[in-house]
Amino acid sequence: MQRISKSWRWPLAGLAGSCAGALFVPIGGMLWVHLIVTLSAVVVLVRLAHREVPFPVALAQLRLGGDDPAVLRARVLSAAVSLQQGRPDLTLYRLKSVLPDLNRVLGPDHPDTLSTRLLSLQVRGETGDLPDRLTAIRELIGDIAPVLGPGHPDTLAARHCLAEWLGQDGRTDEAEAAYEGVITTGTEHLGADHNLVLIARSSLTILRYDRTGPANGAAVDDMTAIVAAMERALGPTDPTAASTRRLLTQWRSTQAGSGA
């Protein structure tokens, strides 16, 4: 049964029960009532099962087994895809179901487990599902950094998340220092043109701009350089480069309107 996803066992059992029950129902109106009711119940169970483990992933589990690392990664990927589709509730639902299996099969210090914990914390922190998100992300950084190293993208992503939440909580001095740390470490280990470094530079510049408004010409100049670096490293059509370029255009328009 390990090859059959737990979430899909109920639909399969319901389908089997529906077929078996039909053998004992007399042919006629009652048979159709039985089929409609039981198959409707199976449809509901299928939708619930697909919510936790998408059908293609369930098929992969049937072929490879539920503890196969590729199946576990596919379950995490399905959660990430649902986040891209704007469904954070479904993302959390899938992450909460796969995290225990990652801990059991791969261990709490495995990179896949740690990156999944990071994604879960990020979503929970942004949706208000995490009462003390700053403490939680600091604890995660303490778990990630010794295992993956200070310059690993997941470590830097967690530190960037901490900086972002500090800024959102009005702790701008701490946020600025945190962003600067990400930029310094990221540049040293990943290079100045890595997307994480460029995003951290952009976030820091936005933080500084928000402090002073349109009069901050230095922030506009810094963002101009960042956009140029993003377009060179990521390409002009990259979503991050495009959104940052639009923000820079707004800043320039506001600056021109204010006569700065």
C-alpha atoms as a PDB file:
ATOM      1  CA  MET A   1       0.000   0.000   0.000  1.00  0.00           C
ATOM      2  CA  GLN A   2       3.017   2.286   0.366  1.00  0.00           C
ATOM      3  CA  ARG A   3       2.969   2.740  -3.393  1.00  0.00           C
ATOM      4  CA  ILE A   4      -0.574   4.055  -3.219  1.00  0.00           C
ATOM      5  CA  SER A   5      -0.745   7.583  -1.848  1.00  0.00           C
ATOM      6  CA  LYS A   6      -2.653   7.753   1.441  1.00  0.00           C
ATOM      7  CA  SER A   7      -4.869  10.500   0.065  1.00  0.00           C
ATOM      8  CA  TRP A   8      -5.825   8.354  -2.936  1.00  0.00           C
ATOM      9  CA  ARG A   9      -6.703   5.214  -0.990  1.00  0.00           C
ATOM     10  CA  TRP A  10     -10.179   6.452  -0.088  1.00  0.00           C
ATOM     11  CA  PRO A  11     -11.210   7.240  -3.695  1.00  0.00           C
ATOM     12  CA  LEU A  12      -9.937   3.859  -4.849  1.00  0.00           C
ATOM     13  CA  ALA A  13     -11.721   2.135  -1.993  1.00  0.00           C
ATOM     14  CA  GLY A  14     -14.888   4.084  -2.775  1.00  0.00           C
ATOM     15  CA  LEU A  15     -14.710   3.115  -6.442  1.00  0.00           C
ATOM     16  CA  ALA A  16     -14.190  -0.524  -5.562  1.00  0.00           C
ATOM     17  CA  GLY A  17     -17.073  -0.382  -3.085  1.00  0.00           C
ATOM     18  CA  SER A  18     -19.309   1.233  -5.682  1.00  0.00           C
ATOM     19  CA  CYS A  19     -18.604  -1.521  -8.190  1.00  0.00           C
ATOM     20  CA  ALA A  20     -19.045  -4.258  -5.604  1.00  0.00           C
ATOM     21  CA  GLY A  21     -22.260  -2.757  -4.283  1.00  0.00           C
ATOM     22  CA  ALA A  22     -23.703  -2.543  -7.778  1.00  0.00           C
ATOM     23  CA  LEU A  23     -23.534  -6.344  -7.998  1.00  0.00           C
ATOM     24  CA  PHE A  24     -26.082  -6.657  -5.178  1.00  0.00           C
ATOM     25  CA  VAL A  25     -28.494  -3.929  -6.305  1.00  0.00           C
ATOM     26  CA  PRO A  26     -31.370  -5.082  -8.543  1.00  0.00           C
ATOM     27  CA  ILE A  27     -31.300  -3.815 -12.098  1.00  0.00           C
ATOM     28  CA  GLY A  28     -33.591  -0.843 -12.462  1.00  0.00           C
ATOM     29  CA  GLY A  29     -34.086   2.531 -10.874  1.00  0.00           C
ATOM     30  CA  MET A  30     -32.346   1.638  -7.601  1.00  0.00           C
ATOM     31  CA  LEU A  31     -29.210   0.632  -9.489  1.00  0.00           C
ATOM     32  CA  TRP A  32     -28.979   4.069 -11.103  1.00  0.00           C
ATOM     33  CA  VAL A  33     -29.573   5.786  -7.746  1.00  0.00           C
ATOM     34  CA  HIS A  34     -26.823   3.674  -6.219  1.00  0.00           C
ATOM     35  CA  LEU A  35     -24.384   4.480  -9.024  1.00  0.00           C
ATOM     36  CA  ILE A  36     -25.121   8.218  -8.979  1.00  0.00           C
ATOM     37  CA  VAL A  37     -24.764   8.518  -5.195  1.00  0.00           C
ATOM     38  CA  THR A  38     -21.639   6.408  -4.859  1.00  0.00           C
ATOM     39  CA  LEU A  39     -19.886   7.879  -7.901  1.00  0.00           C
ATOM     40  CA  SER A  40     -20.667  11.405  -6.674  1.00  0.00           C
ATOM     41  CA  ALA A  41     -19.018  10.497  -3.385  1.00  0.00           C
ATOM     42  CA  VAL A  42     -16.021   9.122  -5.274  1.00  0.00           C
ATOM     43  CA  VAL A  43     -15.716  12.384  -7.241  1.00  0.00           C
ATOM     44  CA  VAL A  44     -15.620  14.351  -3.984  1.00  0.00           C
ATOM     45  CA  LEU A  45     -12.949  12.005  -2.615  1.00  0.00           C
ATOM     46  CA  VAL A  46     -10.923  12.357  -5.819  1.00  0.00           C
ATOM     47  CA  ARG A  47     -10.990  16.142  -5.549  1.00  0.00           C
ATOM     48  CA  LEU A  48      -9.829  15.961  -1.929  1.00  0.00           C
ATOM     49  CA  ALA A  49      -7.069  13.517  -2.838  1.00  0.00           C
ATOM     50  CA  HIS A  50      -5.897  15.650  -5.766  1.00  0.00           C
ATOM     51  CA  ARG A  51      -5.731  18.645  -3.432  1.00  0.00           C
ATOM     52  CA  GLU A  52      -3.106  16.909  -1.298  1.00  0.00           C
ATOM     53  CA  VAL A  53      -1.299  14.861  -3.973  1.00  0.00           C
ATOM     54  CA  PRO A  54      -1.950  15.712  -7.657  1.00  0.00           C
ATOM     55  CA  PHE A  55      -2.892  12.743  -9.791  1.00  0.00           C
ATOM     56  CA  PRO A  56       0.369  12.698 -11.869  1.00  0.00           C
ATOM     57  CA  VAL A  57       2.371  12.637  -8.638  1.00  0.00           C
ATOM     58  CA  ALA A  58       0.177   9.821  -7.313  1.00  0.00           C
ATOM     59  CA  LEU A  59       0.918   7.849 -10.482  1.00  0.00           C
ATOM     60  CA  ALA A  60       4.651   8.439  -9.988  1.00  0.00           C
ATOM     61  CA  GLN A  61       4.318   7.202  -6.419  1.00  0.00           C
ATOM     62  CA  LEU A  62       2.532   4.085  -7.667  1.00  0.00           C
ATOM     63  CA  ARG A  63       5.482   3.405  -9.944  1.00  0.00           C
ATOM     64  CA  LEU A  64       8.374   4.420  -7.673  1.00  0.00           C
ATOM     65  CA  GLY A  65       7.022   4.225  -4.141  1.00  0.00           C
ATOM     66  CA  GLY A  66       6.051   6.899  -1.671  1.00  0.00           C
ATOM     67  CA  ASP A  67       9.521   7.211  -0.130  1.00  0.00           C
ATOM     68  CA  ASP A  68      11.324   7.795  -3.402  1.00  0.00           C
ATOM     69  CA  PRO A  69      13.123  11.185  -3.232  1.00  0.00           C
ATOM     70  CA  ALA A  70      11.893  12.071  -6.723  1.00  0.00           C
ATOM     71  CA  VAL A  71       8.277  11.598  -5.619  1.00  0.00           C
ATOM     72  CA  LEU A  72       8.837  13.718  -2.515  1.00  0.00           C
ATOM     73  CA  ARG A  73      10.401  16.475  -4.636  1.00  0.00           C
ATOM     74  CA  ALA A  74       7.453  16.301  -7.024  1.00  0.00           C
ATOM     75  CA  ARG A  75       5.081  16.830  -4.105  1.00  0.00           C
ATOM     76  CA  VAL A  76       7.063  19.884  -3.017  1.00  0.00           C
ATOM     77  CA  LEU A  77       7.092  21.151  -6.595  1.00  0.00           C
ATOM     78  CA  SER A  78       3.319  20.824  -6.779  1.00  0.00           C
ATOM     79  CA  ALA A  79       3.107  23.067  -3.705  1.00  0.00           C
ATOM     80  CA  ALA A  80       5.404  25.635  -5.321  1.00  0.00           C
ATOM     81  CA  VAL A  81       3.321  25.585  -8.503  1.00  0.00           C
ATOM     82  CA  SER A  82       0.146  26.241  -6.535  1.00  0.00           C
ATOM     83  CA  LEU A  83       1.860  29.263  -4.971  1.00  0.00           C
ATOM     84  CA  GLN A  84       2.714  30.600  -8.432  1.00  0.00           C
ATOM     85  CA  GLN A  85      -0.962  30.164  -9.296  1.00  0.00           C
ATOM     86  CA  GLY A  86      -1.898  32.440  -6.389  1.00  0.00           C
ATOM     87  CA  ARG A  87      -3.200  29.706  -4.064  1.00  0.00           C
ATOM     88  CA  PRO A  88      -1.206  30.000  -0.829  1.00  0.00           C
ATOM     89  CA  ASP A  89      -3.802  27.996   1.109  1.00  0.00           C
ATOM     90  CA  LEU A  90      -3.289  25.008  -1.185  1.00  0.00           C
ATOM     91  CA  THR A  91       0.471  25.518  -0.989  1.00  0.00           C
ATOM     92  CA  LEU A  92       0.426  25.288   2.801  1.00  0.00           C
ATOM     93  CA  TYR A  93      -1.880  22.286   2.691  1.00  0.00           C
ATOM     94  CA  ARG A  94       0.518  20.375   0.440  1.00  0.00           C
ATOM     95  CA  LEU A  95       3.626  21.469   2.337  1.00  0.00           C
ATOM     96  CA  LYS A  96       2.161  20.409   5.675  1.00  0.00           C
ATOM     97  CA  SER A  97       1.402  16.977   4.240  1.00  0.00           C
ATOM     98  CA  VAL A  98       4.852  16.414   2.708  1.00  0.00           C
ATOM     99  CA  LEU A  99       7.101  17.836   5.445  1.00  0.00           C
ATOM    100  CA  PRO A 100       6.606  14.889   7.836  1.00  0.00           C
ATOM    101  CA  ASP A 101       7.546  12.481   5.047  1.00  0.00           C
ATOM    102  CA  LEU A 102      10.653  14.518   4.176  1.00  0.00           C
ATOM    103  CA  ASN A 103      11.748  14.469   7.811  1.00  0.00           C
ATOM    104  CA  ARG A 104      11.120  10.739   8.075  1.00  0.00           C
ATOM    105  CA  VAL A 105      12.717   9.675   4.792  1.00  0.00           C
ATOM    106  CA  LEU A 106      15.493  12.213   4.162  1.00  0.00           C
ATOM    107  CA  GLY A 107      16.027  13.578   7.648  1.00  0.00           C
ATOM    108  CA  PRO A 108      15.643  17.081   9.112  1.00  0.00           C
ATOM    109  CA  ASP A 109      19.082  18.227   7.900  1.00  0.00           C
ATOM    110  CA  HIS A 110      18.642  17.193   4.266  1.00  0.00           C
ATOM    111  CA  PRO A 111      18.740  20.158   1.844  1.00  0.00           C
ATOM    112  CA  ASP A 112      15.319  19.241   0.418  1.00  0.00           C
ATOM    113  CA  THR A 113      13.786  19.213   3.907  1.00  0.00           C
ATOM    114  CA  LEU A 114      15.369  22.542   4.815  1.00  0.00           C
ATOM    115  CA  SER A 115      14.327  24.248   1.578  1.00  0.00           C
ATOM    116  CA  THR A 116      10.761  22.983   2.051  1.00  0.00           C
ATOM    117  CA  ARG A 117      10.724  24.327   5.606  1.00  0.00           C
ATOM    118  CA  LEU A 118      11.888  27.667   4.224  1.00  0.00           C
ATOM    119  CA  LEU A 119       9.105  27.779   1.648  1.00  0.00           C
ATOM    120  CA  SER A 120       6.558  26.851   4.287  1.00  0.00           C
ATOM    121  CA  LEU A 121       7.788  29.572   6.656  1.00  0.00           C
ATOM    122  CA  GLN A 122       7.788  32.174   3.889  1.00  0.00           C
ATOM    123  CA  VAL A 123       4.196  31.433   2.937  1.00  0.00           C
ATOM    124  CA  ARG A 124       3.014  31.219   6.533  1.00  0.00           C
ATOM    125  CA  GLY A 125       4.771  34.455   7.416  1.00  0.00           C
ATOM    126  CA  GLU A 126       3.231  36.332   4.495  1.00  0.00           C
ATOM    127  CA  THR A 127      -0.275  34.992   5.112  1.00  0.00           C
ATOM    128  CA  GLY A 128      -0.337  35.661   8.853  1.00  0.00           C
ATOM    129  CA  ASP A 129      -0.256  31.964   9.746  1.00  0.00           C
ATOM    130  CA  LEU A 130       2.927  32.417  11.809  1.00  0.00           C
ATOM    131  CA  PRO A 131       2.498  34.303  15.107  1.00  0.00           C
ATOM    132  CA  ASP A 132       6.213  35.102  15.663  1.00  0.00           C
ATOM    133  CA  ARG A 133       7.654  34.959  12.198  1.00  0.00           C
ATOM    134  CA  LEU A 134      10.923  36.743  13.039  1.00  0.00           C
ATOM    135  CA  THR A 135      11.815  34.183  15.695  1.00  0.00           C
ATOM    136  CA  ALA A 136      10.807  31.335  13.372  1.00  0.00           C
ATOM    137  CA  ILE A 137      12.933  32.525  10.452  1.00  0.00           C
ATOM    138  CA  ARG A 138      15.925  33.170  12.725  1.00  0.00           C
ATOM    139  CA  GLU A 139      15.645  29.627  14.060  1.00  0.00           C
ATOM    140  CA  LEU A 140      15.507  28.289  10.520  1.00  0.00           C
ATOM    141  CA  ILE A 141      18.589  30.302   9.534  1.00  0.00           C
ATOM    142  CA  GLY A 142      20.339  28.754  12.528  1.00  0.00           C
ATOM    143  CA  ASP A 143      19.436  25.306  11.187  1.00  0.00           C
ATOM    144  CA  ILE A 144      20.242  25.996   7.527  1.00  0.00           C
ATOM    145  CA  ALA A 145      23.545  27.875   7.749  1.00  0.00           C
ATOM    146  CA  PRO A 146      25.618  25.158   9.506  1.00  0.00           C
ATOM    147  CA  VAL A 147      24.383  22.502   7.068  1.00  0.00           C
ATOM    148  CA  LEU A 148      24.357  24.325   3.726  1.00  0.00           C
ATOM    149  CA  GLY A 149      26.865  27.065   4.454  1.00  0.00           C
ATOM    150  CA  PRO A 150      26.469  30.862   4.676  1.00  0.00           C
ATOM    151  CA  GLY A 151      26.666  31.375   0.927  1.00  0.00           C
ATOM    152  CA  HIS A 152      24.097  28.774  -0.133  1.00  0.00           C
ATOM    153  CA  PRO A 153      21.098  30.242  -1.996  1.00  0.00           C
ATOM    154  CA  ASP A 154      18.650  28.837   0.577  1.00  0.00           C
ATOM    155  CA  THR A 155      20.594  30.406   3.436  1.00  0.00           C
ATOM    156  CA  LEU A 156      20.667  33.744   1.651  1.00  0.00           C
ATOM    157  CA  ALA A 157      16.976  33.463   0.751  1.00  0.00           C
ATOM    158  CA  ALA A 158      16.138  32.910   4.425  1.00  0.00           C
ATOM    159  CA  ARG A 159      18.254  35.904   5.445  1.00  0.00           C
ATOM    160  CA  HIS A 160      16.582  38.016   2.750  1.00  0.00           C
ATOM    161  CA  CYS A 161      13.206  36.932   4.109  1.00  0.00           C
ATOM    162  CA  LEU A 162      14.282  38.062   7.592  1.00  0.00           C
ATOM    163  CA  ALA A 163      15.357  41.449   6.224  1.00  0.00           C
ATOM    164  CA  GLU A 164      12.076  41.858   4.378  1.00  0.00           C
ATOM    165  CA  TRP A 165       9.999  41.078   7.468  1.00  0.00           C
ATOM    166  CA  LEU A 166      12.101  43.416   9.604  1.00  0.00           C
ATOM    167  CA  GLY A 167      11.355  46.188   7.130  1.00  0.00           C
ATOM    168  CA  GLN A 168       7.645  45.379   7.107  1.00  0.00           C
ATOM    169  CA  ASP A 169       7.637  45.576  10.906  1.00  0.00           C
ATOM    170  CA  GLY A 170       9.172  49.068  10.810  1.00  0.00           C
ATOM    171  CA  ARG A 171      12.595  47.975  12.045  1.00  0.00           C
ATOM    172  CA  THR A 172      14.311  49.684   9.140  1.00  0.00           C
ATOM    173  CA  ASP A 173      17.818  49.966  10.630  1.00  0.00           C
ATOM    174  CA  GLU A 174      17.910  46.232  11.308  1.00  0.00           C
ATOM    175  CA  ALA A 175      16.426  45.525   7.893  1.00  0.00           C
ATOM    176  CA  GLU A 176      19.044  47.665   6.164  1.00  0.00           C
ATOM    177  CA  ALA A 177      21.859  45.861   7.968  1.00  0.00           C
ATOM    178  CA  ALA A 178      20.310  42.491   7.110  1.00  0.00           C
ATOM    179  CA  TYR A 179      20.050  43.369   3.416  1.00  0.00           C
ATOM    180  CA  GLU A 180      23.644  44.577   3.382  1.00  0.00           C
ATOM    181  CA  GLY A 181      24.730  41.265   4.912  1.00  0.00           C
ATOM    182  CA  VAL A 182      22.923  39.302   2.203  1.00  0.00           C
ATOM    183  CA  ILE A 183      24.510  41.434  -0.517  1.00  0.00           C
ATOM    184  CA  THR A 184      28.024  41.090   0.915  1.00  0.00           C
ATOM    185  CA  THR A 185      27.840  37.335   1.486  1.00  0.00           C
ATOM    186  CA  GLY A 186      25.983  36.687  -1.754  1.00  0.00           C
ATOM    187  CA  THR A 187      28.487  38.653  -3.817  1.00  0.00           C
ATOM    188  CA  GLU A 188      31.350  36.765  -2.198  1.00  0.00           C
ATOM    189  CA  HIS A 189      29.902  33.281  -2.747  1.00  0.00           C
ATOM    190  CA  LEU A 190      27.580  33.601  -5.763  1.00  0.00           C
ATOM    191  CA  GLY A 191      28.794  36.656  -7.630  1.00  0.00           C
ATOM    192  CA  ALA A 192      27.496  40.189  -8.036  1.00  0.00           C
ATOM    193  CA  ASP A 193      25.140  39.233 -10.886  1.00  0.00           C
ATOM    194  CA  HIS A 194      23.328  36.406  -9.090  1.00  0.00           C
ATOM    195  CA  ASN A 195      19.597  36.992  -8.943  1.00  0.00           C
ATOM    196  CA  LEU A 196      19.516  36.776  -5.135  1.00  0.00           C
ATOM    197  CA  VAL A 197      22.166  39.489  -4.865  1.00  0.00           C
ATOM    198  CA  LEU A 198      20.377  41.699  -7.371  1.00  0.00           C
ATOM    199  CA  ILE A 199      17.029  41.256  -5.608  1.00  0.00           C
ATOM    200  CA  ALA A 200      18.630  42.094  -2.252  1.00  0.00           C
ATOM    201  CA  ARG A 201      20.180  45.233  -3.770  1.00  0.00           C
ATOM    202  CA  SER A 202      16.785  46.202  -5.158  1.00  0.00           C
ATOM    203  CA  SER A 203      15.057  45.595  -1.820  1.00  0.00           C
ATOM    204  CA  LEU A 204      17.648  47.665   0.038  1.00  0.00           C
ATOM    205  CA  THR A 205      17.283  50.521  -2.434  1.00  0.00           C
ATOM    206  CA  ILE A 206      13.491  50.446  -2.094  1.00  0.00           C
ATOM    207  CA  LEU A 207      13.859  50.570   1.689  1.00  0.00           C
ATOM    208  CA  ARG A 208      16.090  53.632   1.465  1.00  0.00           C
ATOM    209  CA  TYR A 209      13.839  55.311  -1.103  1.00  0.00           C
ATOM    210  CA  ASP A 210      10.777  54.797   1.087  1.00  0.00           C
ATOM    211  CA  ARG A 211      12.534  56.619   3.905  1.00  0.00           C
ATOM    212  CA  THR A 212      13.031  59.812   1.924  1.00  0.00           C
ATOM    213  CA  GLY A 213      10.674  59.695  -1.066  1.00  0.00           C
ATOM    214  CA  PRO A 214      11.233  61.306  -4.476  1.00  0.00           C
ATOM    215  CA  ALA A 215      14.005  63.563  -3.168  1.00  0.00           C
ATOM    216  CA  ASN A 216      16.324  60.555  -2.854  1.00  0.00           C
ATOM    217  CA  GLY A 217      18.169  60.924  -6.123  1.00  0.00           C
ATOM    218  CA  ALA A 218      20.848  58.497  -4.947  1.00  0.00           C
ATOM    219  CA  ALA A 219      18.247  55.733  -4.674  1.00  0.00           C
ATOM    220  CA  VAL A 220      17.086  56.418  -8.229  1.00  0.00           C
ATOM    221  CA  ASP A 221      20.679  56.265  -9.453  1.00  0.00           C
ATOM    222  CA  ASP A 222      21.264  53.011  -7.542  1.00  0.00           C
ATOM    223  CA  MET A 223      18.106  51.454  -8.973  1.00  0.00           C
ATOM    224  CA  THR A 224      19.156  52.507 -12.474  1.00  0.00           C
ATOM    225  CA  ALA A 225      22.382  50.554 -12.030  1.00  0.00           C
ATOM    226  CA  ILE A 226      20.491  47.581 -10.583  1.00  0.00           C
ATOM    227  CA  VAL A 227      18.049  47.467 -13.507  1.00  0.00           C
ATOM    228  CA  ALA A 228      20.971  47.551 -15.948  1.00  0.00           C
ATOM    229  CA  ALA A 229      22.610  44.656 -14.073  1.00  0.00           C
ATOM    230  CA  MET A 230      19.356  42.666 -14.036  1.00  0.00           C
ATOM    231  CA  GLU A 231      18.809  43.129 -17.745  1.00  0.00           C
ATOM    232  CA  ARG A 232      22.387  42.078 -18.426  1.00  0.00           C
ATOM    233  CA  ALA A 233      22.386  39.053 -16.109  1.00  0.00           C
ATOM    234  CA  LEU A 234      18.760  37.895 -16.226  1.00  0.00           C
ATOM    235  CA  GLY A 235      17.579  39.316 -19.537  1.00  0.00           C
ATOM    236  CA  PRO A 236      15.212  42.246 -20.187  1.00  0.00           C
ATOM    237  CA  THR A 237      12.137  40.005 -20.293  1.00  0.00           C
ATOM    238  CA  ASP A 238      12.822  38.365 -16.932  1.00  0.00           C
ATOM    239  CA  PRO A 239       9.851  39.068 -14.597  1.00  0.00           C
ATOM    240  CA  THR A 240      12.090  40.446 -11.846  1.00  0.00           C
ATOM    241  CA  ALA A 241      13.940  42.717 -14.256  1.00  0.00           C
ATOM    242  CA  ALA A 242      10.691  43.872 -15.856  1.00  0.00           C
ATOM    243  CA  SER A 243       8.963  44.681 -12.542  1.00  0.00           C
ATOM    244  CA  THR A 244      12.043  46.514 -11.241  1.00  0.00           C
ATOM    245  CA  ARG A 245      12.250  48.500 -14.467  1.00  0.00           C
ATOM    246  CA  ARG A 246       8.600  49.539 -14.098  1.00  0.00           C
ATOM    247  CA  LEU A 247       9.275  50.675 -10.538  1.00  0.00           C
ATOM    248  CA  LEU A 248      12.256  52.708 -11.698  1.00  0.00           C
ATOM    249  CA  THR A 249      10.078  54.351 -14.355  1.00  0.00           C
ATOM    250  CA  GLN A 250       7.564  55.331 -11.654  1.00  0.00           C
ATOM    251  CA  TRP A 251      10.331  56.786  -9.517  1.00  0.00           C
ATOM    252  CA  ARG A 252      11.681  58.836 -12.407  1.00  0.00           C
ATOM    253  CA  SER A 253       8.207  60.114 -13.235  1.00  0.00           C
ATOM    254  CA  THR A 254       7.596  61.096  -9.611  1.00  0.00           C
ATOM    255  CA  GLN A 255      11.010  62.724  -9.424  1.00  0.00           C
ATOM    256  CA  ALA A 256      10.343  64.748 -12.561  1.00  0.00           C
ATOM    257  CA  GLY A 257       6.917  65.788 -11.286  1.00  0.00           C
ATOM    258  CA  SER A 258       8.344  66.994  -7.994  1.00  0.00           C
ATOM    259  CA  GLY A 259      11.064  68.974  -9.727  1.00  0.00           C
ATOM    260  CA  ALA A 260      13.791  67.107  -7.849  1.00  0.00           C
END
